[in-house]
Amino acid sequence: MADDADRAGEADQSGVSLSGTIAHIRDLMSGPGVGSCVDCDAPIPPARRAAYPSAIRCVACQAESEGRR
């Protein structure tokens, strides 16, 4: 099982900021149904978290991150 340092290293390689990674790890540790987008700080809807539990962005920011509109 990966620890916080492993997760931070993986996130660093994927281009996610360290503060965003730390916030995401806190969200994961606080349980399902909690979390906010690392880009805009908007809440990630429960349906998105249920479908994609490791989501760190809302749908709009994820689309923008992937170059889609």
PDB file of N, CA and C in Angstrom:
ATOM      1  N   MET A   1       0.852  -1.178   0.000  1.00  0.00           N
ATOM      2  CA  MET A   1       0.000   0.000   0.000  1.00  0.00           C
ATOM      3  C   MET A   1       0.895   1.238   0.000  1.00  0.00           C
ATOM      4  N   ALA A   2       0.546   2.201  -0.845  1.00  0.00           N
ATOM      5  CA  ALA A   2       1.353   3.412  -0.974  1.00  0.00           C
ATOM      6  C   ALA A   2       1.127   4.337   0.217  1.00  0.00           C
ATOM      7  N   ASP A   3       2.199   4.979   0.638  1.00  0.00           N
ATOM      8  CA  ASP A   3       2.057   5.956   1.717  1.00  0.00           C
ATOM      9  C   ASP A   3       1.967   7.362   1.122  1.00  0.00           C
ATOM     10  N   ASP A   4       1.846   8.359   1.989  1.00  0.00           N
ATOM     11  CA  ASP A   4       1.675   9.742   1.531  1.00  0.00           C
ATOM     12  C   ASP A   4       2.828  10.202   0.648  1.00  0.00           C
ATOM     13  N   ALA A   5       4.047   9.811   0.972  1.00  0.00           N
ATOM     14  CA  ALA A   5       5.201  10.229   0.178  1.00  0.00           C
ATOM     15  C   ALA A   5       5.138   9.624  -1.225  1.00  0.00           C
ATOM     16  N   ASP A   6       4.727   8.353  -1.315  1.00  0.00           N
ATOM     17  CA  ASP A   6       4.578   7.722  -2.626  1.00  0.00           C
ATOM     18  C   ASP A   6       3.526   8.448  -3.453  1.00  0.00           C
ATOM     19  N   ARG A   7       2.394   8.769  -2.825  1.00  0.00           N
ATOM     20  CA  ARG A   7       1.323   9.471  -3.540  1.00  0.00           C
ATOM     21  C   ARG A   7       1.790  10.850  -4.004  1.00  0.00           C
ATOM     22  N   ALA A   8       2.522  11.542  -3.167  1.00  0.00           N
ATOM     23  CA  ALA A   8       3.021  12.872  -3.533  1.00  0.00           C
ATOM     24  C   ALA A   8       3.990  12.768  -4.705  1.00  0.00           C
ATOM     25  N   GLY A   9       4.843  11.769  -4.688  1.00  0.00           N
ATOM     26  CA  GLY A   9       5.783  11.569  -5.788  1.00  0.00           C
ATOM     27  C   GLY A   9       5.082  11.262  -7.086  1.00  0.00           C
ATOM     28  N   GLU A  10       4.071  10.403  -7.034  1.00  0.00           N
ATOM     29  CA  GLU A  10       3.299  10.072  -8.229  1.00  0.00           C
ATOM     30  C   GLU A  10       2.591  11.311  -8.761  1.00  0.00           C
ATOM     31  N   ALA A  11       2.013  12.101  -7.882  1.00  0.00           N
ATOM     32  CA  ALA A  11       1.299  13.307  -8.300  1.00  0.00           C
ATOM     33  C   ALA A  11       2.272  14.314  -8.902  1.00  0.00           C
ATOM     34  N   ASP A  12       3.478  14.405  -8.337  1.00  0.00           N
ATOM     35  CA  ASP A  12       4.469  15.343  -8.858  1.00  0.00           C
ATOM     36  C   ASP A  12       4.814  14.990 -10.297  1.00  0.00           C
ATOM     37  N   GLN A  13       4.915  13.719 -10.583  1.00  0.00           N
ATOM     38  CA  GLN A  13       5.237  13.278 -11.935  1.00  0.00           C
ATOM     39  C   GLN A  13       4.086  13.533 -12.900  1.00  0.00           C
ATOM     40  N   SER A  14       2.851  13.604 -12.396  1.00  0.00           N
ATOM     41  CA  SER A  14       1.707  13.812 -13.277  1.00  0.00           C
ATOM     42  C   SER A  14       1.379  15.289 -13.457  1.00  0.00           C
ATOM     43  N   GLY A  15       2.110  16.192 -12.802  1.00  0.00           N
ATOM     44  CA  GLY A  15       1.899  17.615 -12.976  1.00  0.00           C
ATOM     45  C   GLY A  15       0.933  18.240 -11.986  1.00  0.00           C
ATOM     46  N   VAL A  16       0.460  17.482 -11.013  1.00  0.00           N
ATOM     47  CA  VAL A  16      -0.445  18.029 -10.003  1.00  0.00           C
ATOM     48  C   VAL A  16       0.409  18.714  -8.937  1.00  0.00           C
ATOM     49  N   SER A  17      -0.041  19.857  -8.451  1.00  0.00           N
ATOM     50  CA  SER A  17       0.742  20.592  -7.464  1.00  0.00           C
ATOM     51  C   SER A  17       0.800  19.830  -6.141  1.00  0.00           C
ATOM     52  N   LEU A  18       1.838  20.090  -5.376  1.00  0.00           N
ATOM     53  CA  LEU A  18       1.992  19.438  -4.084  1.00  0.00           C
ATOM     54  C   LEU A  18       0.841  19.808  -3.150  1.00  0.00           C
ATOM     55  N   SER A  19       0.453  21.086  -3.142  1.00  0.00           N
ATOM     56  CA  SER A  19      -0.657  21.488  -2.274  1.00  0.00           C
ATOM     57  C   SER A  19      -1.945  20.800  -2.704  1.00  0.00           C
ATOM     58  N   GLY A  20      -2.137  20.638  -3.999  1.00  0.00           N
ATOM     59  CA  GLY A  20      -3.311  19.919  -4.489  1.00  0.00           C
ATOM     60  C   GLY A  20      -3.274  18.459  -4.080  1.00  0.00           C
ATOM     61  N   THR A  21      -2.097  17.860  -4.131  1.00  0.00           N
ATOM     62  CA  THR A  21      -1.943  16.468  -3.730  1.00  0.00           C
ATOM     63  C   THR A  21      -2.234  16.299  -2.248  1.00  0.00           C
ATOM     64  N   ILE A  22      -1.710  17.197  -1.437  1.00  0.00           N
ATOM     65  CA  ILE A  22      -1.946  17.121   0.008  1.00  0.00           C
ATOM     66  C   ILE A  22      -3.428  17.266   0.308  1.00  0.00           C
ATOM     67  N   ALA A  23      -4.083  18.211  -0.357  1.00  0.00           N
ATOM     68  CA  ALA A  23      -5.521  18.396  -0.155  1.00  0.00           C
ATOM     69  C   ALA A  23      -6.283  17.147  -0.572  1.00  0.00           C
ATOM     70  N   HIS A  24      -5.878  16.557  -1.676  1.00  0.00           N
ATOM     71  CA  HIS A  24      -6.548  15.344  -2.158  1.00  0.00           C
ATOM     72  C   HIS A  24      -6.366  14.188  -1.172  1.00  0.00           C
ATOM     73  N   ILE A  25      -5.177  14.016  -0.644  1.00  0.00           N
ATOM     74  CA  ILE A  25      -4.932  12.946   0.330  1.00  0.00           C
ATOM     75  C   ILE A  25      -5.767  13.167   1.579  1.00  0.00           C
ATOM     76  N   ARG A  26      -5.856  14.416   2.043  1.00  0.00           N
ATOM     77  CA  ARG A  26      -6.712  14.709   3.202  1.00  0.00           C
ATOM     78  C   ARG A  26      -8.160  14.338   2.916  1.00  0.00           C
ATOM     79  N   ASP A  27      -8.628  14.681   1.708  1.00  0.00           N
ATOM     80  CA  ASP A  27     -10.000  14.347   1.324  1.00  0.00           C
ATOM     81  C   ASP A  27     -10.216  12.838   1.326  1.00  0.00           C
ATOM     82  N   LEU A  28      -9.267  12.102   0.754  1.00  0.00           N
ATOM     83  CA  LEU A  28      -9.392  10.650   0.719  1.00  0.00           C
ATOM     84  C   LEU A  28      -9.423  10.059   2.121  1.00  0.00           C
ATOM     85  N   MET A  29      -8.615  10.618   3.001  1.00  0.00           N
ATOM     86  CA  MET A  29      -8.533  10.097   4.368  1.00  0.00           C
ATOM     87  C   MET A  29      -9.760  10.465   5.192  1.00  0.00           C
ATOM     88  N   SER A  30     -10.486  11.514   4.773  1.00  0.00           N
ATOM     89  CA  SER A  30     -11.653  11.917   5.550  1.00  0.00           C
ATOM     90  C   SER A  30     -12.916  11.191   5.114  1.00  0.00           C
ATOM     91  N   GLY A  31     -12.816  10.344   4.106  1.00  0.00           N
ATOM     92  CA  GLY A  31     -13.944   9.503   3.731  1.00  0.00           C
ATOM     93  C   GLY A  31     -14.600   9.902   2.432  1.00  0.00           C
ATOM     94  N   PRO A  32     -15.502   9.035   1.969  1.00  0.00           N
ATOM     95  CA  PRO A  32     -16.168   9.291   0.696  1.00  0.00           C
ATOM     96  C   PRO A  32     -17.142  10.452   0.786  1.00  0.00           C
ATOM     97  N   GLY A  33     -17.412  11.053  -0.355  1.00  0.00           N
ATOM     98  CA  GLY A  33     -18.383  12.130  -0.411  1.00  0.00           C
ATOM     99  C   GLY A  33     -17.837  13.500  -0.050  1.00  0.00           C
ATOM    100  N   VAL A  34     -16.525  13.571   0.221  1.00  0.00           N
ATOM    101  CA  VAL A  34     -15.919  14.851   0.555  1.00  0.00           C
ATOM    102  C   VAL A  34     -14.859  15.123  -0.499  1.00  0.00           C
ATOM    103  N   GLY A  35     -14.616  16.348  -0.772  1.00  0.00           N
ATOM    104  CA  GLY A  35     -13.536  16.666  -1.700  1.00  0.00           C
ATOM    105  C   GLY A  35     -13.847  17.892  -2.503  1.00  0.00           C
ATOM    106  N   SER A  36     -12.776  18.539  -2.890  1.00  0.00           N
ATOM    107  CA  SER A  36     -12.923  19.721  -3.718  1.00  0.00           C
ATOM    108  C   SER A  36     -11.886  19.678  -4.830  1.00  0.00           C
ATOM    109  N   CYS A  37     -12.197  20.366  -5.895  1.00  0.00           N
ATOM    110  CA  CYS A  37     -11.340  20.425  -7.071  1.00  0.00           C
ATOM    111  C   CYS A  37     -10.013  21.114  -6.723  1.00  0.00           C
ATOM    112  N   VAL A  38      -8.909  20.526  -7.176  1.00  0.00           N
ATOM    113  CA  VAL A  38      -7.600  21.117  -6.898  1.00  0.00           C
ATOM    114  C   VAL A  38      -7.369  22.393  -7.694  1.00  0.00           C
ATOM    115  N   ASP A  39      -8.150  22.601  -8.754  1.00  0.00           N
ATOM    116  CA  ASP A  39      -7.966  23.791  -9.580  1.00  0.00           C
ATOM    117  C   ASP A  39      -8.857  24.948  -9.143  1.00  0.00           C
ATOM    118  N   CYS A  40     -10.155  24.696  -8.952  1.00  0.00           N
ATOM    119  CA  CYS A  40     -11.081  25.794  -8.658  1.00  0.00           C
ATOM    120  C   CYS A  40     -11.663  25.741  -7.247  1.00  0.00           C
ATOM    121  N   ASP A  41     -11.347  24.705  -6.499  1.00  0.00           N
ATOM    122  CA  ASP A  41     -11.796  24.515  -5.113  1.00  0.00           C
ATOM    123  C   ASP A  41     -13.307  24.298  -4.981  1.00  0.00           C
ATOM    124  N   ALA A  42     -13.994  24.061  -6.103  1.00  0.00           N
ATOM    125  CA  ALA A  42     -15.421  23.741  -6.047  1.00  0.00           C
ATOM    126  C   ALA A  42     -15.590  22.308  -5.543  1.00  0.00           C
ATOM    127  N   PRO A  43     -16.683  22.014  -4.858  1.00  0.00           N
ATOM    128  CA  PRO A  43     -16.905  20.645  -4.409  1.00  0.00           C
ATOM    129  C   PRO A  43     -17.011  19.690  -5.602  1.00  0.00           C
ATOM    130  N   ILE A  44     -16.421  18.515  -5.455  1.00  0.00           N
ATOM    131  CA  ILE A  44     -16.565  17.482  -6.477  1.00  0.00           C
ATOM    132  C   ILE A  44     -17.865  16.747  -6.158  1.00  0.00           C
ATOM    133  N   PRO A  45     -18.810  16.724  -7.097  1.00  0.00           N
ATOM    134  CA  PRO A  45     -20.116  16.105  -6.823  1.00  0.00           C
ATOM    135  C   PRO A  45     -19.986  14.639  -6.403  1.00  0.00           C
ATOM    136  N   PRO A  46     -20.843  14.202  -5.480  1.00  0.00           N
ATOM    137  CA  PRO A  46     -20.800  12.810  -5.011  1.00  0.00           C
ATOM    138  C   PRO A  46     -20.903  11.791  -6.146  1.00  0.00           C
ATOM    139  N   ALA A  47     -21.684  12.083  -7.181  1.00  0.00           N
ATOM    140  CA  ALA A  47     -21.808  11.138  -8.301  1.00  0.00           C
ATOM    141  C   ALA A  47     -20.465  10.962  -9.013  1.00  0.00           C
ATOM    142  N   ARG A  48     -19.722  12.057  -9.172  1.00  0.00           N
ATOM    143  CA  ARG A  48     -18.392  11.952  -9.807  1.00  0.00           C
ATOM    144  C   ARG A  48     -17.443  11.172  -8.916  1.00  0.00           C
ATOM    145  N   ARG A  49     -17.474  11.450  -7.626  1.00  0.00           N
ATOM    146  CA  ARG A  49     -16.581  10.730  -6.706  1.00  0.00           C
ATOM    147  C   ARG A  49     -16.935   9.255  -6.654  1.00  0.00           C
ATOM    148  N   ALA A  50     -18.219   8.927  -6.773  1.00  0.00           N
ATOM    149  CA  ALA A  50     -18.631   7.521  -6.771  1.00  0.00           C
ATOM    150  C   ALA A  50     -18.153   6.821  -8.041  1.00  0.00           C
ATOM    151  N   ALA A  51     -18.253   7.521  -9.171  1.00  0.00           N
ATOM    152  CA  ALA A  51     -17.843   6.943 -10.446  1.00  0.00           C
ATOM    153  C   ALA A  51     -16.328   6.888 -10.589  1.00  0.00           C
ATOM    154  N   TYR A  52     -15.663   7.885 -10.020  1.00  0.00           N
ATOM    155  CA  TYR A  52     -14.211   8.015 -10.147  1.00  0.00           C
ATOM    156  C   TYR A  52     -13.657   8.482  -8.807  1.00  0.00           C
ATOM    157  N   PRO A  53     -13.494   7.556  -7.842  1.00  0.00           N
ATOM    158  CA  PRO A  53     -13.125   7.918  -6.465  1.00  0.00           C
ATOM    159  C   PRO A  53     -11.817   8.701  -6.337  1.00  0.00           C
ATOM    160  N   SER A  54     -10.919   8.552  -7.269  1.00  0.00           N
ATOM    161  CA  SER A  54      -9.643   9.272  -7.145  1.00  0.00           C
ATOM    162  C   SER A  54      -9.656  10.611  -7.886  1.00  0.00           C
ATOM    163  N   ALA A  55     -10.842  11.066  -8.308  1.00  0.00           N
ATOM    164  CA  ALA A  55     -10.945  12.343  -9.014  1.00  0.00           C
ATOM    165  C   ALA A  55     -10.414  13.480  -8.145  1.00  0.00           C
ATOM    166  N   ILE A  56      -9.606  14.336  -8.757  1.00  0.00           N
ATOM    167  CA  ILE A  56      -9.069  15.490  -8.034  1.00  0.00           C
ATOM    168  C   ILE A  56      -9.578  16.795  -8.629  1.00  0.00           C
ATOM    169  N   ARG A  57     -10.320  16.692  -9.737  1.00  0.00           N
ATOM    170  CA  ARG A  57     -10.866  17.877 -10.397  1.00  0.00           C
ATOM    171  C   ARG A  57     -12.358  17.687 -10.654  1.00  0.00           C
ATOM    172  N   CYS A  58     -13.077  18.815 -10.686  1.00  0.00           N
ATOM    173  CA  CYS A  58     -14.471  18.778 -11.114  1.00  0.00           C
ATOM    174  C   CYS A  58     -14.478  18.476 -12.618  1.00  0.00           C
ATOM    175  N   VAL A  59     -15.639  18.169 -13.157  1.00  0.00           N
ATOM    176  CA  VAL A  59     -15.737  17.805 -14.569  1.00  0.00           C
ATOM    177  C   VAL A  59     -15.228  18.938 -15.466  1.00  0.00           C
ATOM    178  N   ALA A  60     -15.629  20.169 -15.176  1.00  0.00           N
ATOM    179  CA  ALA A  60     -15.223  21.307 -16.016  1.00  0.00           C
ATOM    180  C   ALA A  60     -13.702  21.484 -16.020  1.00  0.00           C
ATOM    181  N   CYS A  61     -13.084  21.438 -14.849  1.00  0.00           N
ATOM    182  CA  CYS A  61     -11.620  21.610 -14.781  1.00  0.00           C
ATOM    183  C   CYS A  61     -10.891  20.423 -15.385  1.00  0.00           C
ATOM    184  N   GLN A  62     -11.434  19.201 -15.260  1.00  0.00           N
ATOM    185  CA  GLN A  62     -10.810  18.035 -15.861  1.00  0.00           C
ATOM    186  C   GLN A  62     -10.836  18.166 -17.382  1.00  0.00           C
ATOM    187  N   ALA A  63     -11.969  18.611 -17.920  1.00  0.00           N
ATOM    188  CA  ALA A  63     -12.086  18.792 -19.367  1.00  0.00           C
ATOM    189  C   ALA A  63     -11.078  19.840 -19.846  1.00  0.00           C
ATOM    190  N   GLU A  64     -10.967  20.932 -19.101  1.00  0.00           N
ATOM    191  CA  GLU A  64     -10.002  21.976 -19.459  1.00  0.00           C
ATOM    192  C   GLU A  64      -8.573  21.448 -19.372  1.00  0.00           C
ATOM    193  N   SER A  65      -8.298  20.654 -18.350  1.00  0.00           N
ATOM    194  CA  SER A  65      -6.966  20.074 -18.168  1.00  0.00           C
ATOM    195  C   SER A  65      -6.589  19.169 -19.337  1.00  0.00           C
ATOM    196  N   GLU A  66      -7.600  18.504 -19.905  1.00  0.00           N
ATOM    197  CA  GLU A  66      -7.360  17.605 -21.036  1.00  0.00           C
ATOM    198  C   GLU A  66      -7.471  18.326 -22.373  1.00  0.00           C
ATOM    199  N   GLY A  67      -7.672  19.653 -22.328  1.00  0.00           N
ATOM    200  CA  GLY A  67      -7.739  20.426 -23.546  1.00  0.00           C
ATOM    201  C   GLY A  67      -9.076  20.389 -24.243  1.00  0.00           C
ATOM    202  N   ARG A  68     -10.094  19.942 -23.520  1.00  0.00           N
ATOM    203  CA  ARG A  68     -11.456  19.919 -24.089  1.00  0.00           C
ATOM    204  C   ARG A  68     -12.257  21.055 -23.506  1.00  0.00           C
ATOM    205  N   ARG A  69     -13.318  21.425 -24.162  1.00  0.00           N
ATOM    206  CA  ARG A  69     -14.224  22.460 -23.644  1.00  0.00           C
ATOM    207  C   ARG A  69     -15.586  21.903 -23.446  1.00  0.00           C
TER     208      ARG A  69
END
